């Protein structure tokens, strides 16, 4: 079935796709969801209302939601897709983000809509076609087994695609949804596995941007100027996320050798200067003046040209954490993960853990730090769930440690591996990881910046809760509008309220700040309903042990008692109980 849709800058509809019956229909956005604007807020509303406690994330009853915001594709740096579901990796609410061309094209292809809700399960592999306002499900068993790159060969240059690779089809619990020829990924938490469980291979979009009134064009031009000139965006313009490698190495919190050290012996070979000299092209998302991405041309262990990246998190986790000091080798592993559609942060944690276990005498797999060829073998095994090792690793780091041993060497929370900032060099990040709604995540709160990289409070347990709470509220508000994190120095000035007014919405900065806190607590209520509480906001044992090696964080560890005091204060600031539960229910 299909449906013709007309343009509307004020988004007030959703598209509901029932994969079991094959129906595709437009519905009015519910009143309670309208108050949450779009993006994360709308997804939180429908997830809280429609996904019952105890739902298996890989069952037809789970929802998979693609959402965006009213600014998407109209304001600069807003081509952002929010993918939400119940995570098969952690069992929590999951919202994962990606940029590129696809989000703007999707918004243009579904005028007036703010989200797509996928439910049920198709009998055979299929895809959703969105073609200039017409949306329909198309059976496509021939697409099974194809990579995202190969999908573009089928659908041609006029289409933008978001889909899964073999990892998603095999329901690897940290499979990604890849778009823009595999250069952008809704990466963490396993949304790709949920997509695979529903036999949905991809979403294919063909659309054209709408004509914009002069006042919108003028506002966009003013924001382009702000974004290009703001001091807080210059790092993105100059080098992109690779520059973070310098900050982490300097602060002594760059994960190295399976979370053993905070400085890497091979830094010069994988750091920002090496990236700069290897750049062949800068990459940008739709209507973004920052162009923070980069494609590299490398000649080392491998001769390779990347489509985009590798970004900092991938460099950190597949490089130093695995003892690999060759940028071409890191890029090779990154491209392999991209081809199969699996999360590089999770893979880097798993491989580093295997190496650390091997070094500590726990012989799960014979792999030493720096062994690139065996890294490739592990990635292949995971993506195809090959053998007992591959099948177990595909279920995640925490599950693997429970099966094989080595629990003392895993860095994770709620089953999601830590990203590239060792909190023994910035204690606020220990709290950020523990209280993140989807599992250990640096995107909900990047407290390492103001406390450590340009701040003077890396070990201040008292200040950390407020930093983290502020980030959670602000980011939740920005993600309802689907604004890129890297543009936050500009948009945080009014939390996007100027743009909302121009598009017919009426929100003040104070209302948006409150909205951010509300959405954060809504998601916490979802997690509580699904069995989570304070016990799940934990500190892994490895972080209570002194960090080895060199750098300012040498010999540092996280004090469990002070960690719990941070947790108490954070809950108090959020208005939750001592068990981490919101004091009032949203009643959905």
Protein backbone atom coordinates (compact mmCIF):
# COMPACT_ATOMS: atom_id res chain seq x y z
CA UNK A 1 0.00 0.00 0.00
CA UNK A 2 1.15 3.56 -0.57
CA UNK A 3 0.08 7.06 0.40
CA UNK A 4 0.66 10.50 -1.12
CA UNK A 5 1.82 13.17 1.32
CA UNK A 6 2.06 16.98 1.01
CA UNK A 7 4.65 19.38 2.42
CA UNK A 8 4.31 20.88 5.88
CA UNK A 9 7.18 22.48 7.81
CA UNK A 10 5.32 21.93 11.09
CA UNK A 11 5.52 18.17 11.51
CA UNK A 12 2.32 16.60 12.83
CA UNK A 13 2.12 13.04 11.47
CA UNK A 14 3.82 9.68 11.75
CA UNK A 15 4.06 6.87 9.20
CA UNK A 16 3.17 3.49 10.69
CA UNK A 17 4.56 0.46 8.87
CA UNK A 18 3.12 -2.92 9.88
CA UNK A 19 5.61 -5.39 8.48
CA UNK A 20 3.40 -8.37 9.33
CA UNK A 21 0.42 -7.21 7.27
CA UNK A 22 2.38 -5.07 4.82
CA UNK A 23 0.30 -1.97 5.52
CA UNK A 24 1.78 1.54 5.36
CA UNK A 25 -0.39 4.33 6.67
CA UNK A 26 -0.13 7.90 7.87
CA UNK A 27 -1.48 8.79 11.33
CA UNK A 28 -1.87 12.07 13.22
CA UNK A 29 0.84 12.68 15.79
CA UNK A 30 -0.71 12.14 19.23
CA UNK A 31 -1.18 15.21 21.38
CA UNK A 32 1.28 14.07 24.05
CA UNK A 33 3.91 13.46 21.38
CA UNK A 34 3.36 16.89 19.81
CA UNK A 35 4.46 18.49 23.07
CA UNK A 36 7.80 16.66 22.69
CA UNK A 37 8.43 18.21 19.23
CA UNK A 38 10.26 15.37 17.44
CA UNK A 39 13.40 13.26 17.46
CA UNK A 40 14.14 11.59 20.79
CA UNK A 41 11.03 13.00 22.45
CA UNK A 42 8.55 11.56 19.97
CA UNK A 43 10.37 8.22 19.99
CA UNK A 44 10.32 8.13 23.81
CA UNK A 45 6.57 8.77 23.81
CA UNK A 46 5.73 5.91 21.46
CA UNK A 47 8.24 3.48 22.96
CA UNK A 48 6.88 4.12 26.45
CA UNK A 49 3.31 3.70 25.21
CA UNK A 50 3.69 0.72 22.86
CA UNK A 51 6.57 -1.51 24.06
CA UNK A 52 5.43 -3.58 27.03
CA UNK A 53 7.76 -4.64 29.87
CA UNK A 54 9.34 -8.00 29.14
CA UNK A 55 9.29 -7.51 25.37
CA UNK A 56 12.10 -9.42 23.66
CA UNK A 57 14.05 -6.83 21.65
CA UNK A 58 14.27 -9.26 18.71
CA UNK A 59 10.56 -10.11 18.72
CA UNK A 60 7.90 -8.69 16.37
CA UNK A 61 6.41 -6.81 19.35
CA UNK A 62 9.40 -4.49 19.61
CA UNK A 63 9.24 -1.17 17.76
CA UNK A 64 11.88 0.32 15.49
CA UNK A 65 11.43 4.07 15.10
CA UNK A 66 13.12 6.41 12.63
CA UNK A 67 12.51 10.00 13.73
CA UNK A 68 13.79 13.49 13.00
CA UNK A 69 12.91 17.07 13.94
CA UNK A 70 11.24 20.13 12.44
CA UNK A 71 14.65 21.69 11.74
CA UNK A 72 15.94 18.66 9.83
CA UNK A 73 17.30 19.65 6.44
CA UNK A 74 16.21 23.27 6.84
CA UNK A 75 18.66 24.57 9.43
CA UNK A 76 22.39 23.93 9.00
CA UNK A 77 23.84 20.88 10.83
CA UNK A 78 20.43 19.25 11.35
CA UNK A 79 20.52 16.33 8.90
CA UNK A 80 20.27 13.86 11.75
CA UNK A 81 18.35 10.60 12.00
CA UNK A 82 17.27 9.28 15.40
CA UNK A 83 16.83 5.48 15.46
CA UNK A 84 15.06 4.22 18.58
CA UNK A 85 14.13 0.76 19.81
CA UNK A 86 14.57 -1.56 22.77
CA UNK A 87 18.22 -2.53 22.61
CA UNK A 88 19.07 -6.20 22.02
CA UNK A 89 22.49 -5.52 23.58
CA UNK A 90 21.42 -3.87 26.83
CA UNK A 91 17.65 -4.32 27.11
CA UNK A 92 17.32 -0.54 27.65
CA UNK A 93 15.72 2.20 25.61
CA UNK A 94 18.04 2.84 22.69
CA UNK A 95 18.38 5.97 20.60
CA UNK A 96 21.25 5.98 18.13
CA UNK A 97 22.09 8.82 15.75
CA UNK A 98 23.53 9.22 12.27
CA UNK A 99 24.02 12.07 9.83
CA UNK A 100 24.87 12.46 6.16
CA UNK A 101 22.41 13.01 3.32
CA UNK A 102 19.86 10.34 4.22
CA UNK A 103 18.08 12.10 7.14
CA UNK A 104 17.32 15.27 5.17
CA UNK A 105 16.24 13.27 2.12
CA UNK A 106 13.94 11.16 4.31
CA UNK A 107 12.32 14.24 5.85
CA UNK A 108 11.80 15.72 2.36
CA UNK A 109 10.37 12.41 1.13
CA UNK A 110 7.74 12.32 3.89
CA UNK A 111 6.46 15.91 4.13
CA UNK A 112 4.63 16.73 7.34
CA UNK A 113 5.88 13.59 9.07
CA UNK A 114 8.23 13.39 12.05
CA UNK A 115 8.74 9.63 12.37
CA UNK A 116 8.32 6.16 10.92
CA UNK A 117 7.25 3.41 13.33
CA UNK A 118 8.04 -0.13 12.18
CA UNK A 119 6.21 -2.96 13.95
CA UNK A 120 5.72 -6.69 13.40
CA UNK A 121 7.87 -8.88 11.17
CA UNK A 122 7.79 -9.44 7.41
CA UNK A 123 7.57 -12.99 6.06
CA UNK A 124 10.56 -12.39 3.80
CA UNK A 125 13.26 -9.78 3.29
CA UNK A 126 11.76 -6.48 2.17
CA UNK A 127 12.47 -2.76 2.03
CA UNK A 128 10.50 0.44 2.50
CA UNK A 129 10.45 2.67 -0.56
CA UNK A 130 9.88 6.38 0.01
CA UNK A 131 9.61 8.02 -3.40
CA UNK A 132 8.66 11.71 -3.50
CA UNK A 133 5.86 11.29 -0.98
CA UNK A 134 4.80 7.73 -1.86
CA UNK A 135 5.66 5.10 0.76
CA UNK A 136 5.31 1.36 0.23
CA UNK A 137 6.82 -1.95 1.31
CA UNK A 138 8.50 -3.97 -1.40
CA UNK A 139 9.39 -7.69 -1.08
CA UNK A 140 13.07 -8.17 -1.98
CA UNK A 141 14.50 -11.58 -0.96
CA UNK A 142 17.32 -11.01 -3.46
CA UNK A 143 18.77 -8.30 -1.20
CA UNK A 144 19.63 -10.70 1.60
CA UNK A 145 23.37 -10.96 2.14
CA UNK A 146 24.20 -7.70 0.37
CA UNK A 147 26.27 -4.97 1.98
CA UNK A 148 25.04 -1.38 2.13
CA UNK A 149 27.56 -0.52 -0.59
CA UNK A 150 25.98 -3.12 -2.88
CA UNK A 151 22.50 -1.73 -2.27
CA UNK A 152 23.53 1.50 -3.97
CA UNK A 153 24.44 -0.47 -7.09
CA UNK A 154 20.86 -1.74 -7.25
CA UNK A 155 18.97 1.46 -6.51
CA UNK A 156 21.18 3.94 -8.36
CA UNK A 157 22.66 7.35 -7.64
CA UNK A 158 19.30 9.08 -7.25
CA UNK A 159 18.52 7.24 -4.02
CA UNK A 160 19.74 7.52 -0.44
CA UNK A 161 19.64 4.33 1.60
CA UNK A 162 19.77 3.28 5.24
CA UNK A 163 20.13 -0.45 5.72
CA UNK A 164 21.83 -3.39 7.34
CA UNK A 165 24.64 -5.72 6.35
CA UNK A 166 25.28 -9.32 7.27
CA UNK A 167 25.70 -8.32 10.94
CA UNK A 168 22.13 -7.08 11.11
CA UNK A 169 20.78 -10.11 9.26
CA UNK A 170 22.60 -12.40 11.68
CA UNK A 171 21.25 -10.28 14.55
CA UNK A 172 24.64 -9.42 16.03
CA UNK A 173 23.49 -7.54 19.12
CA UNK A 174 25.54 -4.47 18.24
CA UNK A 175 24.74 -4.38 14.53
CA UNK A 176 24.42 -0.92 12.98
CA UNK A 177 22.10 0.73 10.48
CA UNK A 178 24.34 2.22 7.80
CA UNK A 179 23.59 5.02 5.35
CA UNK A 180 25.32 7.23 2.79
CA UNK A 181 27.22 4.31 1.23
CA UNK A 182 28.32 3.09 4.62
CA UNK A 183 29.85 6.39 5.77
CA UNK A 184 27.29 7.05 8.52
CA UNK A 185 25.98 4.63 11.11
CA UNK A 186 23.30 4.50 13.77
CA UNK A 187 25.96 2.54 15.52
CA UNK A 188 25.56 1.65 19.17
CA UNK A 189 23.18 -0.74 20.89
CA UNK A 190 22.10 -3.00 18.04
CA UNK A 191 19.32 -1.22 16.14
CA UNK A 192 20.58 -3.09 13.06
CA UNK A 193 19.82 -6.40 14.76
CA UNK A 194 16.24 -5.27 15.43
CA UNK A 195 15.93 -4.28 11.78
CA UNK A 196 17.23 -7.73 10.81
CA UNK A 197 14.81 -9.47 13.18
CA UNK A 198 11.97 -7.79 11.30
CA UNK A 199 13.28 -8.89 7.86
CA UNK A 200 13.59 -5.22 6.90
CA UNK A 201 16.72 -4.80 4.81
CA UNK A 202 16.66 -1.08 4.16
CA UNK A 203 14.79 2.16 3.62
CA UNK A 204 15.27 3.64 0.15
CA UNK A 205 14.49 7.34 -0.34
CA UNK A 206 14.11 9.52 -3.42
CA UNK A 207 13.12 13.11 -2.80
CA UNK A 208 13.81 16.75 -3.58
CA UNK A 209 14.29 19.63 -1.13
CA UNK A 210 11.32 21.98 -0.79
CA UNK A 211 11.30 25.61 -1.81
CA UNK A 212 11.96 27.70 1.29
CA UNK A 213 10.55 31.14 2.09
CA UNK A 214 12.99 34.05 2.27
CA UNK A 215 12.83 34.34 6.06
CA UNK A 216 13.96 30.73 6.44
CA UNK A 217 16.76 31.19 3.90
CA UNK A 218 17.93 34.32 5.70
CA UNK A 219 17.88 32.59 9.08
CA UNK A 220 19.85 29.67 7.64
CA UNK A 221 22.47 32.03 6.22
CA UNK A 222 22.85 33.74 9.61
CA UNK A 223 23.40 30.37 11.31
CA UNK A 224 25.94 29.28 8.71
CA UNK A 225 27.92 32.41 9.60
CA UNK A 226 27.61 31.71 13.34
CA UNK A 227 28.71 28.12 12.91
CA UNK A 228 31.75 29.06 10.85
CA UNK A 229 32.88 31.73 13.29
CA UNK A 230 32.08 30.26 16.71
CA UNK A 231 35.24 29.32 18.67
CA UNK A 232 33.55 26.11 19.84
CA UNK A 233 33.23 24.74 16.30
CA UNK A 234 36.73 25.44 15.00
CA UNK A 235 38.06 21.98 15.97
CA UNK A 236 35.45 20.40 13.70
CA UNK A 237 36.34 22.67 10.80
CA UNK A 238 40.09 22.24 11.21
CA UNK A 239 40.53 18.52 11.87
CA UNK A 240 37.34 16.77 13.02
CA UNK A 241 37.18 14.13 15.73
CA UNK A 242 40.72 12.87 15.06
CA UNK A 243 41.93 15.87 17.07
CA UNK A 244 40.49 14.27 20.19
CA UNK A 245 43.31 11.70 20.07
CA UNK A 246 45.72 14.47 21.11
CA UNK A 247 43.51 15.54 24.03
CA UNK A 248 43.07 12.00 25.32
CA UNK A 249 46.76 11.16 25.00
CA UNK A 250 47.72 14.39 26.77
CA UNK A 251 45.28 13.79 29.62
CA UNK A 252 46.47 10.19 29.93
CA UNK A 253 43.02 8.66 29.41
CA UNK A 254 43.38 7.16 25.91
CA UNK A 255 42.33 3.49 26.34
CA UNK A 256 45.40 1.39 25.58
CA UNK A 257 46.21 -2.34 25.69
CA UNK A 258 42.82 -3.56 26.91
CA UNK A 259 42.19 -0.63 29.30
CA UNK A 260 45.56 -1.16 31.02
CA UNK A 261 47.15 2.21 30.22
CA UNK A 262 46.05 5.75 29.38
CA UNK A 263 48.84 6.67 26.98
CA UNK A 264 49.73 4.81 23.81
CA UNK A 265 53.30 4.08 22.73
CA UNK A 266 52.35 4.35 19.03
CA UNK A 267 50.48 7.67 19.31
CA UNK A 268 52.51 9.48 16.63
CA UNK A 269 51.50 6.87 14.04
CA UNK A 270 47.76 7.21 14.66
CA UNK A 271 47.38 10.77 15.97
CA UNK A 272 45.90 13.91 14.37
CA UNK A 273 49.08 14.86 12.49
CA UNK A 274 49.09 11.48 10.76
CA UNK A 275 45.42 11.97 9.90
CA UNK A 276 46.04 15.48 8.56
CA UNK A 277 48.81 14.37 6.22
CA UNK A 278 46.62 11.54 4.90
CA UNK A 279 43.46 13.53 4.13
CA UNK A 280 42.40 13.25 0.49
CA UNK A 281 39.01 14.92 0.90
CA UNK A 282 36.89 16.60 3.58
CA UNK A 283 33.37 15.21 3.98
CA UNK A 284 30.17 16.91 5.03
CA UNK A 285 26.55 16.13 5.82
CA UNK A 286 23.63 17.77 4.04
CA UNK A 287 23.73 21.56 4.50
CA UNK A 288 26.56 21.61 7.04
CA UNK A 289 29.29 24.28 6.94
CA UNK A 290 31.54 22.40 9.40
CA UNK A 291 32.61 19.55 7.11
CA UNK A 292 34.04 17.68 10.10
CA UNK A 293 34.45 14.41 8.20
CA UNK A 294 37.48 13.29 6.25
CA UNK A 295 38.41 10.57 3.79
CA UNK A 296 41.98 9.26 3.98
CA UNK A 297 44.51 7.81 1.57
CA UNK A 298 46.90 5.56 3.46
CA UNK A 299 49.84 3.36 2.73
CA UNK A 300 51.13 1.24 5.59
CA UNK A 301 50.37 -2.37 6.40
CA UNK A 302 47.52 -1.88 3.92
CA UNK A 303 47.13 0.42 0.96
CA UNK A 304 43.65 1.81 1.52
CA UNK A 305 41.43 4.76 0.73
CA UNK A 306 38.58 5.33 3.17
CA UNK A 307 35.14 6.62 2.25
CA UNK A 308 35.04 8.49 5.54
CA UNK A 309 37.02 8.32 8.77
CA UNK A 310 38.07 6.56 10.85
CA UNK A 311 36.66 8.82 13.58
CA UNK A 312 38.20 9.21 17.04
CA UNK A 313 36.21 6.49 18.81
CA UNK A 314 37.16 3.96 16.13
CA UNK A 315 40.80 5.03 16.19
CA UNK A 316 40.92 4.71 19.98
CA UNK A 317 39.16 1.37 20.32
CA UNK A 318 40.55 -0.46 17.27
CA UNK A 319 43.97 1.20 17.62
CA UNK A 320 45.53 1.84 21.05
CA UNK A 321 43.08 -0.42 22.90
CA UNK A 322 44.16 -3.29 20.63
CA UNK A 323 47.84 -2.29 20.53
CA UNK A 324 47.67 -1.36 16.82
CA UNK A 325 49.85 1.57 15.80
CA UNK A 326 49.20 1.59 12.05
CA UNK A 327 46.44 3.91 10.80
CA UNK A 328 45.99 1.89 7.61
CA UNK A 329 45.37 -1.24 9.70
CA UNK A 330 42.84 0.59 11.89
CA UNK A 331 41.12 1.79 8.71
CA UNK A 332 41.08 -1.74 7.33
CA UNK A 333 39.33 -3.03 10.46
CA UNK A 334 36.96 -0.04 10.38
CA UNK A 335 36.00 -0.69 6.75
CA UNK A 336 35.40 -4.36 7.49
CA UNK A 337 33.07 -3.46 10.37
CA UNK A 338 31.36 -0.99 8.06
CA UNK A 339 30.86 -3.57 5.34
CA UNK A 340 29.25 -6.03 7.77
CA UNK A 341 27.42 -3.32 9.71
CA UNK A 342 28.74 -3.81 13.26
CA UNK A 343 29.76 -1.25 15.87
CA UNK A 344 33.48 -0.45 15.94
CA UNK A 345 33.43 0.66 19.60
CA UNK A 346 31.97 -2.66 20.72
CA UNK A 347 34.28 -4.64 18.42
CA UNK A 348 37.34 -2.73 19.70
CA UNK A 349 36.34 -3.48 23.27
CA UNK A 350 35.85 -7.16 22.52
CA UNK A 351 39.13 -7.60 20.66
CA UNK A 352 41.08 -5.64 23.29
CA UNK A 353 39.49 -7.81 25.98
CA UNK A 354 40.46 -11.02 24.13
CA UNK A 355 44.04 -9.74 23.88
CA UNK A 356 44.14 -8.74 27.54
CA UNK A 357 42.73 -12.12 28.61
CA UNK A 358 45.33 -13.89 26.50
CA UNK A 359 48.07 -11.83 28.12
CA UNK A 360 46.69 -12.55 31.61
CA UNK A 361 46.65 -16.30 30.95
CA UNK A 362 42.92 -16.68 30.17
CA UNK A 363 43.16 -18.49 26.86
CA UNK A 364 39.87 -17.71 25.13
CA UNK A 365 41.50 -17.05 21.77
CA UNK A 366 45.15 -16.96 20.79
CA UNK A 367 45.53 -13.30 19.89
CA UNK A 368 48.22 -10.84 20.97
CA UNK A 369 48.16 -7.07 21.05
CA UNK A 370 48.86 -5.68 17.59
CA UNK A 371 47.89 -8.85 15.67
CA UNK A 372 45.86 -7.32 12.83
CA UNK A 373 45.33 -10.55 10.89
CA UNK A 374 43.70 -12.22 13.88
CA UNK A 375 41.60 -9.11 14.45
CA UNK A 376 40.22 -9.64 10.95
CA UNK A 377 39.44 -13.26 11.82
CA UNK A 378 37.53 -12.18 14.93
CA UNK A 379 35.49 -9.60 13.00
CA UNK A 380 34.62 -12.19 10.33
CA UNK A 381 33.58 -14.68 13.01
CA UNK A 382 31.40 -12.13 14.81
CA UNK A 383 29.64 -10.86 11.68
CA UNK A 384 28.72 -14.39 10.55
CA UNK A 385 28.23 -15.81 14.07
CA UNK A 386 30.79 -18.40 13.05
CA UNK A 387 31.50 -21.12 15.63
CA UNK A 388 31.09 -20.94 19.39
CA UNK A 389 33.50 -18.01 19.71
CA UNK A 390 31.92 -15.87 16.98
CA UNK A 391 28.39 -16.68 18.09
CA UNK A 392 29.13 -15.79 21.72
CA UNK A 393 31.06 -12.61 20.90
CA UNK A 394 28.15 -11.51 18.69
CA UNK A 395 26.02 -11.33 21.84
CA UNK A 396 28.33 -8.72 23.38
CA UNK A 397 31.23 -8.24 25.75
CA UNK A 398 29.34 -8.88 28.98
CA UNK A 399 27.81 -12.12 27.70
CA UNK A 400 31.19 -13.31 26.40
CA UNK A 401 32.85 -12.71 29.78
CA UNK A 402 30.06 -14.62 31.54
CA UNK A 403 30.71 -17.59 29.24
CA UNK A 404 34.50 -17.58 28.92
CA UNK A 405 35.67 -15.76 32.06
CA UNK A 406 37.77 -12.61 32.21
CA UNK A 407 35.10 -10.49 33.94
CA UNK A 408 37.84 -8.52 35.70
CA UNK A 409 38.99 -7.02 32.40
CA UNK A 410 35.76 -5.78 30.85
CA UNK A 411 34.91 -2.07 30.75
CA UNK A 412 31.15 -1.82 30.29
CA UNK A 413 27.88 -0.73 31.84
CA UNK A 414 24.49 -2.35 31.21
CA UNK A 415 26.25 -4.57 28.69
CA UNK A 416 27.55 -1.77 26.45
CA UNK A 417 31.32 -1.35 26.19
CA UNK A 418 33.00 1.86 27.30
CA UNK A 419 33.91 4.36 24.56
CA UNK A 420 37.30 6.03 24.20
CA UNK A 421 37.73 7.95 27.47
CA UNK A 422 39.13 6.15 30.51
CA UNK A 423 37.28 7.64 33.51
CA UNK A 424 40.30 7.05 35.72
CA UNK A 425 41.52 10.23 34.02
CA UNK A 426 38.18 12.04 34.32
CA UNK A 427 35.89 10.79 37.09
CA UNK A 428 32.83 12.59 35.70
CA UNK A 429 32.90 10.14 32.81
CA UNK A 430 32.44 7.23 35.23
CA UNK A 431 29.15 8.83 36.27
CA UNK A 432 28.27 9.68 32.66
CA UNK A 433 28.74 6.06 31.58
CA UNK A 434 26.80 4.68 34.54
CA UNK A 435 23.78 6.96 34.17
CA UNK A 436 23.56 6.93 30.38
CA UNK A 437 20.15 5.66 29.38
CA UNK A 438 21.34 3.26 26.67
CA UNK A 439 24.44 1.84 28.38
CA UNK A 440 27.98 3.24 28.62
CA UNK A 441 27.94 6.29 26.35
CA UNK A 442 29.94 9.49 25.94
CA UNK A 443 27.32 11.24 23.80
CA UNK A 444 24.77 11.76 26.59
CA UNK A 445 27.37 13.63 28.59
CA UNK A 446 30.82 14.54 27.30
CA UNK A 447 31.86 15.75 30.76
CA UNK A 448 35.50 14.96 29.95
CA UNK A 449 35.66 18.25 28.01
CA UNK A 450 34.80 20.86 30.67
CA UNK A 451 36.24 18.85 33.57
CA UNK A 452 39.50 17.68 32.01
CA UNK A 453 40.42 18.68 28.44
CA UNK A 454 39.97 22.39 29.05
CA UNK A 455 38.92 22.25 32.72
CA UNK A 456 40.71 21.71 36.00
CA UNK A 457 38.41 19.20 37.72
CA UNK A 458 39.38 15.74 36.42
CA UNK A 459 39.13 14.20 39.90
CA UNK A 460 36.41 16.38 41.42
CA UNK A 461 33.67 13.98 42.52
CA UNK A 462 31.52 16.81 43.88
CA UNK A 463 31.26 18.84 40.67
CA UNK A 464 30.71 15.86 38.38
CA UNK A 465 26.97 15.26 39.03
CA UNK A 466 25.99 18.76 37.96
CA UNK A 467 28.08 18.59 34.77
CA UNK A 468 26.46 15.29 33.84
CA UNK A 469 22.91 16.36 34.73
CA UNK A 470 23.24 19.57 32.67
CA UNK A 471 24.50 17.63 29.66
CA UNK A 472 21.69 15.09 29.88
CA UNK A 473 19.01 17.79 29.92
CA UNK A 474 20.55 19.95 27.20
CA UNK A 475 21.30 17.07 24.87
CA UNK A 476 17.82 15.61 25.28
CA UNK A 477 16.36 18.96 24.21
CA UNK A 478 18.69 19.25 21.21
CA UNK A 479 17.91 15.68 20.19
CA UNK A 480 14.18 16.40 20.15
CA UNK A 481 15.06 18.87 17.40
CA UNK A 482 17.68 16.45 15.97
CA UNK A 483 20.53 18.97 16.05
CA UNK A 484 24.09 17.70 15.62
CA UNK A 485 26.14 17.60 18.82
CA UNK A 486 29.03 19.36 17.11
CA UNK A 487 26.86 22.43 16.48
CA UNK A 488 25.79 22.70 20.12
CA UNK A 489 28.07 25.69 20.91
CA UNK A 490 25.77 27.74 18.65
CA UNK A 491 22.39 26.13 19.23
CA UNK A 492 22.76 25.92 23.02
CA UNK A 493 22.45 29.71 23.14
CA UNK A 494 18.68 29.35 22.81
CA UNK A 495 18.30 25.54 22.50
CA UNK A 496 16.90 26.05 18.99
CA UNK A 497 13.92 28.19 20.06
CA UNK A 498 14.59 30.84 17.38
CA UNK A 499 14.30 28.20 14.68
CA UNK A 500 11.18 26.70 16.21
CA UNK A 501 9.46 30.07 16.23
CA UNK A 502 10.31 30.56 12.57
CA UNK A 503 8.72 27.20 11.79
CA UNK A 504 5.49 27.88 13.66
CA UNK A 505 6.29 26.36 17.06
CA UNK A 506 6.14 28.28 20.32
CA UNK A 507 8.83 27.22 22.78
CA UNK A 508 11.06 29.41 24.94
CA UNK A 509 14.56 28.40 25.95
CA UNK A 510 13.31 27.69 29.47
CA UNK A 511 10.53 25.45 28.14
CA UNK A 512 13.01 23.53 26.00
CA UNK A 513 15.31 23.06 28.98
CA UNK A 514 12.39 21.61 30.94
CA UNK A 515 11.48 19.49 27.95
CA UNK A 516 14.97 17.99 27.93
CA UNK A 517 14.68 17.01 31.59
CA UNK A 518 11.20 15.57 30.97
CA UNK A 519 12.33 13.41 28.06
CA UNK A 520 15.33 12.17 30.04
CA UNK A 521 13.02 11.07 32.86
CA UNK A 522 10.57 9.52 30.39
CA UNK A 523 13.33 7.31 29.07
CA UNK A 524 14.38 6.48 32.63
CA UNK A 525 10.80 5.40 33.31
CA UNK A 526 10.94 3.13 30.26
CA UNK A 527 14.09 1.51 31.62
CA UNK A 528 12.64 1.16 35.12
CA UNK A 529 9.55 -0.55 33.69
CA UNK A 530 11.85 -2.96 31.91
CA UNK A 531 13.66 -3.93 35.12
CA UNK A 532 16.44 -1.35 35.56
CA UNK A 533 17.30 0.59 38.70
CA UNK A 534 20.33 1.72 40.71
CA UNK A 535 21.98 -1.70 40.57
CA UNK A 536 22.41 -1.22 36.81
CA UNK A 537 24.20 2.14 37.12
CA UNK A 538 27.39 0.43 38.16
CA UNK A 539 31.14 0.85 38.01
CA UNK A 540 33.03 -2.06 36.41
CA UNK A 541 35.68 -3.67 38.58
CA UNK A 542 38.51 -2.77 36.19
CA UNK A 543 37.96 0.94 36.94
CA UNK A 544 38.70 0.42 40.65
CA UNK A 545 42.23 -0.70 39.79
CA UNK A 546 45.10 1.78 39.26
CA UNK A 547 45.77 2.85 35.68
CA UNK A 548 49.20 1.74 34.51
CA UNK A 549 51.70 3.39 32.19
CA UNK A 550 52.50 7.08 31.89
CA UNK A 551 50.59 10.34 32.01
CA UNK A 552 48.65 12.45 34.53
CA UNK A 553 46.23 9.62 35.32
CA UNK A 554 48.92 7.07 36.14
CA UNK A 555 48.08 5.22 39.35
CA UNK A 556 44.55 6.69 39.46
CA UNK A 557 41.40 4.64 40.01
CA UNK A 558 37.73 5.31 40.76
CA UNK A 559 36.85 5.24 44.44
CA UNK A 560 33.64 3.10 44.77
CA UNK A 561 32.40 5.01 47.81
CA UNK A 562 32.83 8.39 46.11
CA UNK A 563 31.27 6.97 42.95
CA UNK A 564 28.16 6.06 44.95
CA UNK A 565 28.09 9.54 46.45
CA UNK A 566 28.14 10.97 42.91
CA UNK A 567 25.25 8.69 42.02
CA UNK A 568 23.24 9.87 45.05
CA UNK A 569 23.78 13.51 44.12
CA UNK A 570 22.93 12.92 40.47
CA UNK A 571 19.63 11.21 41.39
CA UNK A 572 18.82 14.10 43.73
CA UNK A 573 19.45 16.65 40.97
CA UNK A 574 17.22 14.68 38.59
CA UNK A 575 14.45 14.49 41.19
CA UNK A 576 14.59 10.68 41.34
CA UNK A 577 14.54 8.33 44.32
CA UNK A 578 17.66 6.83 45.92
CA UNK A 579 17.03 3.77 43.72
CA UNK A 580 17.18 5.94 40.61
CA UNK A 581 13.45 5.88 39.85
CA UNK A 582 11.44 8.92 38.70
CA UNK A 583 9.08 9.99 41.49
CA UNK A 584 6.12 10.43 39.15
CA UNK A 585 4.89 8.39 36.20
CA UNK A 586 4.09 9.71 32.74
CA UNK A 587 1.13 7.34 32.60
CA UNK A 588 1.60 6.06 29.06
